[in-house]
Amino acid sequence: MEKINSLINFGIININKPSGPTSFSITEFVRQKLNLKKSSHMGTLDPKVTGVLPITLGRACRLSRYFMHHKKCYVGVLHTHKEKNLTELQKIINKKFTGKIKQIPPHKSAVKRVERERTIYKFDFLEDSENKKDFLFYCEVEGGTYIRKLCSDLGEIIKGAHMAELRRTQAGIFDENKMFNLYEFEEAVEEYKKGNSESLKKMITPAEESIKKVLPFIKVKEEAVKDLHTGKPLLKEDVLGKSEIKEESFAVFCRETFIGIYRKAEEKDILGRAEFVKN
């Protein structure tokens, strides 16, 4: 029981979002079912968009920002208002919408509508329909890119187009290989409440396991843990082995136990200062 409670209060579950509800309502559903004070999703999907929606649970919400801005992958359908040629569309995409682009968020977005730069790593048209108006595409983009806006911006060039369907297949380290629909999740929660937590355990990934995949990490001596748990700086002498850290933020473990996230410090004896401590 202690194991499942730890997971629920410091874990991540990847939900297969259906078309219809908002990302917020899905997150609230998960929170209420697990009787948590807090949960948060890592990257909003429009109500009609489906697919990968990672949700942080309990104290893991404090780690969301370390996962949020990694690469996102989508499969979708572009609908053009007139018949178009797939090869010609791909040429426009390659020229105008690949690499670093400027984008203004759509009117209904939750962020301020100011121009910002985003990177389109790949945008490939895979096939077209018989009527030459529907085009299946696959794209890999920087987090925070609006695919619907990208499609409408393309539409301005070709005299009309919009995004007809979209599914997110990957959000950073989370993908379709391990995700669960709401019915599976609800059933697992009901089993858990009856005393069988096995299904729910398999659905929730420990936050400390995930953080190792997005941040560099170091290990510290056991005698340093007590001071670190009080929020004291991480000293160079606390570290086991080499302490060379290039990234601004890094994770700290003692053996396999997660201690926290630290920001690199440019000080003589101090290696890092705490951004988040799990205690």
C-alpha atoms as a PDB file:
ATOM      1  CA  MET A   1       0.000   0.000   0.000  1.00  0.00           C
ATOM      2  CA  GLU A   2       2.908   2.345   0.762  1.00  0.00           C
ATOM      3  CA  LYS A   3       4.262   1.815  -2.764  1.00  0.00           C
ATOM      4  CA  ILE A   4       1.006   2.765  -4.512  1.00  0.00           C
ATOM      5  CA  ASN A   5       0.464   5.793  -2.261  1.00  0.00           C
ATOM      6  CA  SER A   6       3.952   7.021  -3.131  1.00  0.00           C
ATOM      7  CA  LEU A   7       3.191   6.608  -6.829  1.00  0.00           C
ATOM      8  CA  ILE A   8      -0.122   8.437  -6.594  1.00  0.00           C
ATOM      9  CA  ASN A   9       1.461  11.358  -4.770  1.00  0.00           C
ATOM     10  CA  PHE A  10       4.622  11.571  -6.873  1.00  0.00           C
ATOM     11  CA  GLY A  11       3.955   9.995 -10.228  1.00  0.00           C
ATOM     12  CA  ILE A  12       2.966  10.612 -13.846  1.00  0.00           C
ATOM     13  CA  ILE A  13       0.190   8.931 -15.824  1.00  0.00           C
ATOM     14  CA  ASN A  14      -0.077   9.169 -19.596  1.00  0.00           C
ATOM     15  CA  ILE A  15      -3.735   9.438 -20.628  1.00  0.00           C
ATOM     16  CA  ASN A  16      -4.986   8.716 -24.141  1.00  0.00           C
ATOM     17  CA  LYS A  17      -7.125  11.835 -24.494  1.00  0.00           C
ATOM     18  CA  PRO A  18     -10.394  11.364 -26.392  1.00  0.00           C
ATOM     19  CA  SER A  19     -12.013  13.959 -28.641  1.00  0.00           C
ATOM     20  CA  GLY A  20     -14.465  16.210 -26.801  1.00  0.00           C
ATOM     21  CA  PRO A  21     -13.324  17.097 -23.271  1.00  0.00           C
ATOM     22  CA  THR A  22     -10.696  19.741 -22.544  1.00  0.00           C
ATOM     23  CA  SER A  23      -7.239  18.860 -21.248  1.00  0.00           C
ATOM     24  CA  PHE A  24      -8.182  20.610 -18.000  1.00  0.00           C
ATOM     25  CA  SER A  25     -11.336  18.525 -17.501  1.00  0.00           C
ATOM     26  CA  ILE A  26      -9.376  15.300 -18.108  1.00  0.00           C
ATOM     27  CA  THR A  27      -6.804  16.408 -15.544  1.00  0.00           C
ATOM     28  CA  GLU A  28      -9.538  17.256 -13.030  1.00  0.00           C
ATOM     29  CA  PHE A  29     -11.151  13.858 -13.596  1.00  0.00           C
ATOM     30  CA  VAL A  30      -7.853  12.133 -12.773  1.00  0.00           C
ATOM     31  CA  ARG A  31      -7.300  14.336  -9.710  1.00  0.00           C
ATOM     32  CA  GLN A  32     -10.749  13.680  -8.269  1.00  0.00           C
ATOM     33  CA  LYS A  33     -10.623   9.941  -8.897  1.00  0.00           C
ATOM     34  CA  LEU A  34      -7.294   9.705  -7.061  1.00  0.00           C
ATOM     35  CA  ASN A  35      -8.442  12.118  -4.316  1.00  0.00           C
ATOM     36  CA  LEU A  36      -5.447  14.398  -4.865  1.00  0.00           C
ATOM     37  CA  LYS A  37      -5.074  18.052  -3.943  1.00  0.00           C
ATOM     38  CA  LYS A  38      -3.357  18.788  -7.228  1.00  0.00           C
ATOM     39  CA  SER A  39      -2.678  17.415 -10.702  1.00  0.00           C
ATOM     40  CA  SER A  40      -1.525  19.117 -13.899  1.00  0.00           C
ATOM     41  CA  HIS A  41      -1.208  18.199 -17.562  1.00  0.00           C
ATOM     42  CA  MET A  42       1.959  18.762 -19.576  1.00  0.00           C
ATOM     43  CA  GLY A  43       0.822  20.538 -22.736  1.00  0.00           C
ATOM     44  CA  THR A  44      -2.728  21.523 -23.665  1.00  0.00           C
ATOM     45  CA  LEU A  45      -4.574  19.689 -26.419  1.00  0.00           C
ATOM     46  CA  ASP A  46      -7.622  21.313 -28.059  1.00  0.00           C
ATOM     47  CA  PRO A  47     -10.911  19.583 -27.153  1.00  0.00           C
ATOM     48  CA  LYS A  48     -11.152  17.857 -30.561  1.00  0.00           C
ATOM     49  CA  VAL A  49      -7.507  16.739 -30.546  1.00  0.00           C
ATOM     50  CA  THR A  50      -6.704  13.244 -29.257  1.00  0.00           C
ATOM     51  CA  GLY A  51      -3.666  11.360 -28.021  1.00  0.00           C
ATOM     52  CA  VAL A  52      -0.813  11.635 -25.572  1.00  0.00           C
ATOM     53  CA  LEU A  53      -1.649  13.719 -22.475  1.00  0.00           C
ATOM     54  CA  PRO A  54       0.858  13.183 -19.624  1.00  0.00           C
ATOM     55  CA  ILE A  55      -0.539  14.203 -16.218  1.00  0.00           C
ATOM     56  CA  THR A  56       1.600  14.847 -13.167  1.00  0.00           C
ATOM     57  CA  LEU A  57       0.184  13.751  -9.818  1.00  0.00           C
ATOM     58  CA  GLY A  58       0.528  15.386  -6.406  1.00  0.00           C
ATOM     59  CA  ARG A  59       3.959  16.827  -5.712  1.00  0.00           C
ATOM     60  CA  ALA A  60       5.152  15.742  -9.170  1.00  0.00           C
ATOM     61  CA  CYS A  61       3.306  18.831 -10.477  1.00  0.00           C
ATOM     62  CA  ARG A  62       6.341  20.811  -9.327  1.00  0.00           C
ATOM     63  CA  LEU A  63       8.406  18.987 -11.951  1.00  0.00           C
ATOM     64  CA  SER A  64       6.155  19.757 -14.951  1.00  0.00           C
ATOM     65  CA  ARG A  65       8.380  22.465 -16.383  1.00  0.00           C
ATOM     66  CA  TYR A  66      11.272  20.053 -16.822  1.00  0.00           C
ATOM     67  CA  PHE A  67       9.139  17.958 -19.206  1.00  0.00           C
ATOM     68  CA  MET A  68       6.978  20.578 -20.935  1.00  0.00           C
ATOM     69  CA  HIS A  69       9.118  22.067 -23.696  1.00  0.00           C
ATOM     70  CA  HIS A  70      10.516  18.963 -25.311  1.00  0.00           C
ATOM     71  CA  LYS A  71       9.689  17.819 -28.851  1.00  0.00           C
ATOM     72  CA  LYS A  72       6.066  16.986 -29.710  1.00  0.00           C
ATOM     73  CA  CYS A  73       4.937  14.675 -32.537  1.00  0.00           C
ATOM     74  CA  TYR A  74       1.562  14.681 -34.294  1.00  0.00           C
ATOM     75  CA  VAL A  75      -0.372  12.906 -37.027  1.00  0.00           C
ATOM     76  CA  GLY A  76      -3.130  14.925 -38.649  1.00  0.00           C
ATOM     77  CA  VAL A  77      -5.245  15.740 -41.666  1.00  0.00           C
ATOM     78  CA  LEU A  78      -5.037  19.029 -43.567  1.00  0.00           C
ATOM     79  CA  HIS A  79      -8.179  19.927 -45.526  1.00  0.00           C
ATOM     80  CA  THR A  80      -7.695  22.310 -48.437  1.00  0.00           C
ATOM     81  CA  HIS A  81     -10.615  24.331 -49.801  1.00  0.00           C
ATOM     82  CA  LYS A  82      -9.578  23.594 -53.396  1.00  0.00           C
ATOM     83  CA  GLU A  83      -7.886  20.637 -55.070  1.00  0.00           C
ATOM     84  CA  LYS A  84      -4.140  20.645 -54.419  1.00  0.00           C
ATOM     85  CA  ASN A  85      -1.082  18.657 -55.393  1.00  0.00           C
ATOM     86  CA  LEU A  86       0.718  16.857 -52.548  1.00  0.00           C
ATOM     87  CA  THR A  87       4.174  17.529 -53.994  1.00  0.00           C
ATOM     88  CA  GLU A  88       3.474  21.244 -54.342  1.00  0.00           C
ATOM     89  CA  LEU A  89       2.167  21.449 -50.783  1.00  0.00           C
ATOM     90  CA  GLN A  90       5.321  19.751 -49.524  1.00  0.00           C
ATOM     91  CA  LYS A  91       7.468  22.291 -51.370  1.00  0.00           C
ATOM     92  CA  ILE A  92       5.630  25.155 -49.643  1.00  0.00           C
ATOM     93  CA  ILE A  93       6.031  23.482 -46.256  1.00  0.00           C
ATOM     94  CA  ASN A  94       9.737  22.916 -46.832  1.00  0.00           C
ATOM     95  CA  LYS A  95      10.248  26.520 -47.842  1.00  0.00           C
ATOM     96  CA  LYS A  96       7.956  28.385 -45.444  1.00  0.00           C
ATOM     97  CA  PHE A  97       7.267  26.126 -42.467  1.00  0.00           C
ATOM     98  CA  THR A  98      10.386  24.078 -41.717  1.00  0.00           C
ATOM     99  CA  GLY A  99      13.135  25.075 -39.309  1.00  0.00           C
ATOM    100  CA  LYS A 100      12.632  28.206 -37.199  1.00  0.00           C
ATOM    101  CA  ILE A 101       9.349  29.980 -37.937  1.00  0.00           C
ATOM    102  CA  LYS A 102       7.444  32.934 -36.495  1.00  0.00           C
ATOM    103  CA  GLN A 103       4.021  32.167 -35.083  1.00  0.00           C
ATOM    104  CA  ILE A 104       1.261  34.142 -33.340  1.00  0.00           C
ATOM    105  CA  PRO A 105      -0.946  31.975 -31.077  1.00  0.00           C
ATOM    106  CA  PRO A 106      -4.601  31.642 -32.195  1.00  0.00           C
ATOM    107  CA  HIS A 107      -7.352  33.817 -30.674  1.00  0.00           C
ATOM    108  CA  LYS A 108      -8.659  31.043 -28.404  1.00  0.00           C
ATOM    109  CA  SER A 109      -5.262  30.156 -26.913  1.00  0.00           C
ATOM    110  CA  ALA A 110      -4.544  30.533 -23.202  1.00  0.00           C
ATOM    111  CA  VAL A 111      -1.332  32.504 -23.779  1.00  0.00           C
ATOM    112  CA  LYS A 112      -0.689  36.108 -24.772  1.00  0.00           C
ATOM    113  CA  ARG A 113      -1.018  36.662 -28.530  1.00  0.00           C
ATOM    114  CA  VAL A 114       2.461  37.899 -29.339  1.00  0.00           C
ATOM    115  CA  GLU A 115       4.721  36.682 -32.106  1.00  0.00           C
ATOM    116  CA  ARG A 116       7.175  34.021 -31.015  1.00  0.00           C
ATOM    117  CA  GLU A 117       9.722  31.741 -32.601  1.00  0.00           C
ATOM    118  CA  ARG A 118       9.211  27.990 -32.780  1.00  0.00           C
ATOM    119  CA  THR A 119      11.135  25.195 -34.519  1.00  0.00           C
ATOM    120  CA  ILE A 120       9.488  22.776 -36.948  1.00  0.00           C
ATOM    121  CA  TYR A 121      11.839  19.784 -37.075  1.00  0.00           C
ATOM    122  CA  LYS A 122       9.811  17.843 -39.644  1.00  0.00           C
ATOM    123  CA  PHE A 123       6.522  18.241 -41.503  1.00  0.00           C
ATOM    124  CA  ASP A 124       5.818  15.548 -44.088  1.00  0.00           C
ATOM    125  CA  PHE A 125       2.709  14.976 -46.158  1.00  0.00           C
ATOM    126  CA  LEU A 126       2.219  11.202 -46.305  1.00  0.00           C
ATOM    127  CA  GLU A 127      -0.719  10.732 -48.659  1.00  0.00           C
ATOM    128  CA  ASP A 128      -3.697  12.471 -50.226  1.00  0.00           C
ATOM    129  CA  SER A 129      -7.353  11.574 -50.725  1.00  0.00           C
ATOM    130  CA  GLU A 130      -9.071  10.870 -54.019  1.00  0.00           C
ATOM    131  CA  ASN A 131     -10.645  14.334 -54.045  1.00  0.00           C
ATOM    132  CA  LYS A 132      -7.177  15.951 -53.580  1.00  0.00           C
ATOM    133  CA  LYS A 133      -8.479  18.017 -50.661  1.00  0.00           C
ATOM    134  CA  ASP A 134      -7.495  15.918 -47.629  1.00  0.00           C
ATOM    135  CA  PHE A 135      -3.830  15.318 -46.835  1.00  0.00           C
ATOM    136  CA  LEU A 136      -2.441  13.083 -44.118  1.00  0.00           C
ATOM    137  CA  PHE A 137       0.642  14.561 -42.446  1.00  0.00           C
ATOM    138  CA  TYR A 138       3.177  13.785 -39.745  1.00  0.00           C
ATOM    139  CA  CYS A 139       5.137  16.464 -37.906  1.00  0.00           C
ATOM    140  CA  GLU A 140       7.730  16.910 -35.184  1.00  0.00           C
ATOM    141  CA  VAL A 141       7.783  20.335 -33.556  1.00  0.00           C
ATOM    142  CA  GLU A 142       9.114  22.306 -30.630  1.00  0.00           C
ATOM    143  CA  GLY A 143       6.852  22.368 -27.577  1.00  0.00           C
ATOM    144  CA  GLY A 144       4.412  25.289 -27.695  1.00  0.00           C
ATOM    145  CA  THR A 145       3.869  25.112 -31.472  1.00  0.00           C
ATOM    146  CA  TYR A 146       0.253  25.458 -32.603  1.00  0.00           C
ATOM    147  CA  ILE A 147      -0.428  22.952 -35.384  1.00  0.00           C
ATOM    148  CA  ARG A 148      -3.877  24.382 -36.094  1.00  0.00           C
ATOM    149  CA  LYS A 149      -2.330  27.824 -36.617  1.00  0.00           C
ATOM    150  CA  LEU A 150       0.394  26.350 -38.829  1.00  0.00           C
ATOM    151  CA  CYS A 151      -2.302  24.790 -41.028  1.00  0.00           C
ATOM    152  CA  SER A 152      -4.272  28.036 -41.252  1.00  0.00           C
ATOM    153  CA  ASP A 153      -1.102  29.997 -42.061  1.00  0.00           C
ATOM    154  CA  LEU A 154      -0.463  27.550 -44.889  1.00  0.00           C
ATOM    155  CA  GLY A 155      -4.070  28.129 -45.945  1.00  0.00           C
ATOM    156  CA  GLU A 156      -3.409  31.841 -46.381  1.00  0.00           C
ATOM    157  CA  ILE A 157      -0.758  30.991 -48.959  1.00  0.00           C
ATOM    158  CA  ILE A 158      -2.821  28.426 -50.911  1.00  0.00           C
ATOM    159  CA  LYS A 159      -6.180  30.269 -50.722  1.00  0.00           C
ATOM    160  CA  GLY A 160      -7.803  28.212 -48.025  1.00  0.00           C
ATOM    161  CA  ALA A 161      -6.951  25.290 -45.743  1.00  0.00           C
ATOM    162  CA  HIS A 162      -7.557  24.177 -42.174  1.00  0.00           C
ATOM    163  CA  MET A 163      -6.673  21.352 -39.815  1.00  0.00           C
ATOM    164  CA  ALA A 164      -9.406  18.695 -40.009  1.00  0.00           C
ATOM    165  CA  GLU A 165      -8.005  16.148 -37.528  1.00  0.00           C
ATOM    166  CA  LEU A 166      -5.045  15.911 -35.150  1.00  0.00           C
ATOM    167  CA  ARG A 167      -3.571  13.342 -32.816  1.00  0.00           C
ATOM    168  CA  ARG A 168      -0.526  13.783 -30.603  1.00  0.00           C
ATOM    169  CA  THR A 169       1.636  10.670 -30.713  1.00  0.00           C
ATOM    170  CA  GLN A 170       4.508  11.872 -28.526  1.00  0.00           C
ATOM    171  CA  ALA A 171       5.191  14.562 -25.935  1.00  0.00           C
ATOM    172  CA  GLY A 172       8.844  14.502 -24.928  1.00  0.00           C
ATOM    173  CA  ILE A 173       9.575  11.129 -23.313  1.00  0.00           C
ATOM    174  CA  PHE A 174       5.888  10.114 -23.308  1.00  0.00           C
ATOM    175  CA  ASP A 175       4.391   8.300 -26.285  1.00  0.00           C
ATOM    176  CA  GLU A 176       1.654   5.891 -27.352  1.00  0.00           C
ATOM    177  CA  ASN A 177       3.546   2.807 -26.157  1.00  0.00           C
ATOM    178  CA  LYS A 178       2.398   3.367 -22.573  1.00  0.00           C
ATOM    179  CA  MET A 179      -0.847   5.260 -22.252  1.00  0.00           C
ATOM    180  CA  PHE A 180      -4.327   4.478 -20.987  1.00  0.00           C
ATOM    181  CA  ASN A 181      -7.833   5.592 -21.858  1.00  0.00           C
ATOM    182  CA  LEU A 182     -10.214   6.989 -19.262  1.00  0.00           C
ATOM    183  CA  TYR A 183     -12.190   3.745 -18.994  1.00  0.00           C
ATOM    184  CA  GLU A 184      -9.053   1.732 -18.227  1.00  0.00           C
ATOM    185  CA  PHE A 185      -7.966   4.324 -15.682  1.00  0.00           C
ATOM    186  CA  GLU A 186     -11.358   4.438 -13.952  1.00  0.00           C
ATOM    187  CA  GLU A 187     -11.506   0.647 -13.779  1.00  0.00           C
ATOM    188  CA  ALA A 188      -8.008   0.511 -12.252  1.00  0.00           C
ATOM    189  CA  VAL A 189      -8.996   3.100  -9.633  1.00  0.00           C
ATOM    190  CA  GLU A 190     -12.107   1.071  -8.705  1.00  0.00           C
ATOM    191  CA  GLU A 191      -9.946  -2.047  -8.284  1.00  0.00           C
ATOM    192  CA  TYR A 192      -7.507  -0.043  -6.152  1.00  0.00           C
ATOM    193  CA  LYS A 193     -10.316   1.121  -3.872  1.00  0.00           C
ATOM    194  CA  LYS A 194     -11.302  -2.528  -3.402  1.00  0.00           C
ATOM    195  CA  GLY A 195      -7.757  -3.407  -2.347  1.00  0.00           C
ATOM    196  CA  ASN A 196      -6.168  -4.468  -5.654  1.00  0.00           C
ATOM    197  CA  SER A 197      -3.655  -1.837  -6.784  1.00  0.00           C
ATOM    198  CA  GLU A 198      -1.771  -3.872  -9.421  1.00  0.00           C
ATOM    199  CA  SER A 199      -3.430  -2.319 -12.497  1.00  0.00           C
ATOM    200  CA  LEU A 200      -3.025   1.230 -11.178  1.00  0.00           C
ATOM    201  CA  LYS A 201       0.636   0.593 -10.323  1.00  0.00           C
ATOM    202  CA  LYS A 202       1.324  -0.394 -13.924  1.00  0.00           C
ATOM    203  CA  MET A 203      -0.265   2.817 -15.211  1.00  0.00           C
ATOM    204  CA  ILE A 204       1.676   5.292 -13.081  1.00  0.00           C
ATOM    205  CA  THR A 205       5.336   6.012 -13.782  1.00  0.00           C
ATOM    206  CA  PRO A 206       7.405   7.189 -10.781  1.00  0.00           C
ATOM    207  CA  ALA A 207       8.370  10.836 -11.268  1.00  0.00           C
ATOM    208  CA  GLU A 208      11.949  10.145 -10.241  1.00  0.00           C
ATOM    209  CA  GLU A 209      12.224   7.500 -12.958  1.00  0.00           C
ATOM    210  CA  SER A 210      11.025   9.999 -15.579  1.00  0.00           C
ATOM    211  CA  ILE A 211      13.231  12.876 -14.415  1.00  0.00           C
ATOM    212  CA  LYS A 212      16.340  10.793 -15.157  1.00  0.00           C
ATOM    213  CA  LYS A 213      15.329  10.789 -18.822  1.00  0.00           C
ATOM    214  CA  VAL A 214      15.159  14.571 -19.177  1.00  0.00           C
ATOM    215  CA  LEU A 215      17.867  15.857 -16.814  1.00  0.00           C
ATOM    216  CA  PRO A 216      21.442  14.856 -16.042  1.00  0.00           C
ATOM    217  CA  PHE A 217      21.780  13.434 -12.543  1.00  0.00           C
ATOM    218  CA  ILE A 218      24.445  12.874  -9.925  1.00  0.00           C
ATOM    219  CA  LYS A 219      24.630  10.795  -6.765  1.00  0.00           C
ATOM    220  CA  VAL A 220      25.522  12.060  -3.307  1.00  0.00           C
ATOM    221  CA  LYS A 221      26.862  10.580  -0.088  1.00  0.00           C
ATOM    222  CA  GLU A 222      24.356   9.338   2.472  1.00  0.00           C
ATOM    223  CA  GLU A 223      25.670  11.683   5.145  1.00  0.00           C
ATOM    224  CA  ALA A 224      24.705  14.686   2.983  1.00  0.00           C
ATOM    225  CA  VAL A 225      21.029  13.762   2.641  1.00  0.00           C
ATOM    226  CA  LYS A 226      19.822  15.197   5.963  1.00  0.00           C
ATOM    227  CA  ASP A 227      21.172  18.680   5.157  1.00  0.00           C
ATOM    228  CA  LEU A 228      19.908  18.548   1.567  1.00  0.00           C
ATOM    229  CA  HIS A 229      16.403  17.705   2.791  1.00  0.00           C
ATOM    230  CA  THR A 230      16.379  20.988   4.734  1.00  0.00           C
ATOM    231  CA  GLY A 231      17.102  22.927   1.532  1.00  0.00           C
ATOM    232  CA  LYS A 232      20.798  23.571   2.128  1.00  0.00           C
ATOM    233  CA  PRO A 233      23.073  24.016  -0.925  1.00  0.00           C
ATOM    234  CA  LEU A 234      24.679  21.002  -2.559  1.00  0.00           C
ATOM    235  CA  LEU A 235      28.395  21.080  -1.793  1.00  0.00           C
ATOM    236  CA  LYS A 236      31.021  19.685  -4.127  1.00  0.00           C
ATOM    237  CA  GLU A 237      32.256  17.461  -1.294  1.00  0.00           C
ATOM    238  CA  ASP A 238      28.782  15.873  -1.040  1.00  0.00           C
ATOM    239  CA  VAL A 239      29.049  14.285  -4.481  1.00  0.00           C
ATOM    240  CA  LEU A 240      30.125  10.740  -5.246  1.00  0.00           C
ATOM    241  CA  GLY A 241      32.511  10.605  -8.205  1.00  0.00           C
ATOM    242  CA  LYS A 242      32.931  13.436 -10.707  1.00  0.00           C
ATOM    243  CA  SER A 243      30.809  16.550 -10.275  1.00  0.00           C
ATOM    244  CA  GLU A 244      31.040  18.121 -13.731  1.00  0.00           C
ATOM    245  CA  ILE A 245      27.623  19.450 -14.726  1.00  0.00           C
ATOM    246  CA  LYS A 246      27.112  21.377 -17.979  1.00  0.00           C
ATOM    247  CA  GLU A 247      23.327  21.909 -17.853  1.00  0.00           C
ATOM    248  CA  GLU A 248      21.753  24.627 -15.702  1.00  0.00           C
ATOM    249  CA  SER A 249      19.475  22.169 -13.868  1.00  0.00           C
ATOM    250  CA  PHE A 250      20.218  18.636 -12.726  1.00  0.00           C
ATOM    251  CA  ALA A 251      18.730  15.915 -10.509  1.00  0.00           C
ATOM    252  CA  VAL A 252      20.281  14.566  -7.327  1.00  0.00           C
ATOM    253  CA  PHE A 253      19.935  10.994  -6.028  1.00  0.00           C
ATOM    254  CA  CYS A 254      21.302   9.076  -3.063  1.00  0.00           C
ATOM    255  CA  ARG A 255      21.639   5.544  -4.360  1.00  0.00           C
ATOM    256  CA  GLU A 256      18.204   5.146  -6.042  1.00  0.00           C
ATOM    257  CA  THR A 257      16.369   7.640  -3.821  1.00  0.00           C
ATOM    258  CA  PHE A 258      15.468  10.945  -5.460  1.00  0.00           C
ATOM    259  CA  ILE A 259      16.539  13.983  -3.417  1.00  0.00           C
ATOM    260  CA  GLY A 260      15.636  16.935  -5.644  1.00  0.00           C
ATOM    261  CA  ILE A 261      16.392  19.261  -8.544  1.00  0.00           C
ATOM    262  CA  TYR A 262      19.261  21.739  -8.310  1.00  0.00           C
ATOM    263  CA  ARG A 263      20.416  24.733 -10.313  1.00  0.00           C
ATOM    264  CA  LYS A 264      24.136  24.873 -11.022  1.00  0.00           C
ATOM    265  CA  ALA A 265      25.975  27.421  -8.883  1.00  0.00           C
ATOM    266  CA  GLU A 266      29.135  29.265  -9.882  1.00  0.00           C
ATOM    267  CA  GLU A 267      30.548  29.316  -6.353  1.00  0.00           C
ATOM    268  CA  LYS A 268      33.760  27.966  -4.884  1.00  0.00           C
ATOM    269  CA  ASP A 269      32.488  25.102  -2.702  1.00  0.00           C
ATOM    270  CA  ILE A 270      28.854  24.996  -3.788  1.00  0.00           C
ATOM    271  CA  LEU A 271      27.829  22.865  -6.773  1.00  0.00           C
ATOM    272  CA  GLY A 272      24.129  23.740  -6.796  1.00  0.00           C
ATOM    273  CA  ARG A 273      21.198  25.366  -5.020  1.00  0.00           C
ATOM    274  CA  ALA A 274      17.830  23.675  -4.602  1.00  0.00           C
ATOM    275  CA  GLU A 275      14.961  24.346  -7.011  1.00  0.00           C
ATOM    276  CA  PHE A 276      12.866  21.471  -5.651  1.00  0.00           C
ATOM    277  CA  VAL A 277      13.489  19.105  -2.753  1.00  0.00           C
ATOM    278  CA  LYS A 278      11.420  15.961  -2.188  1.00  0.00           C
ATOM    279  CA  ASN A 279      11.092  15.308   1.513  1.00  0.00           C
END
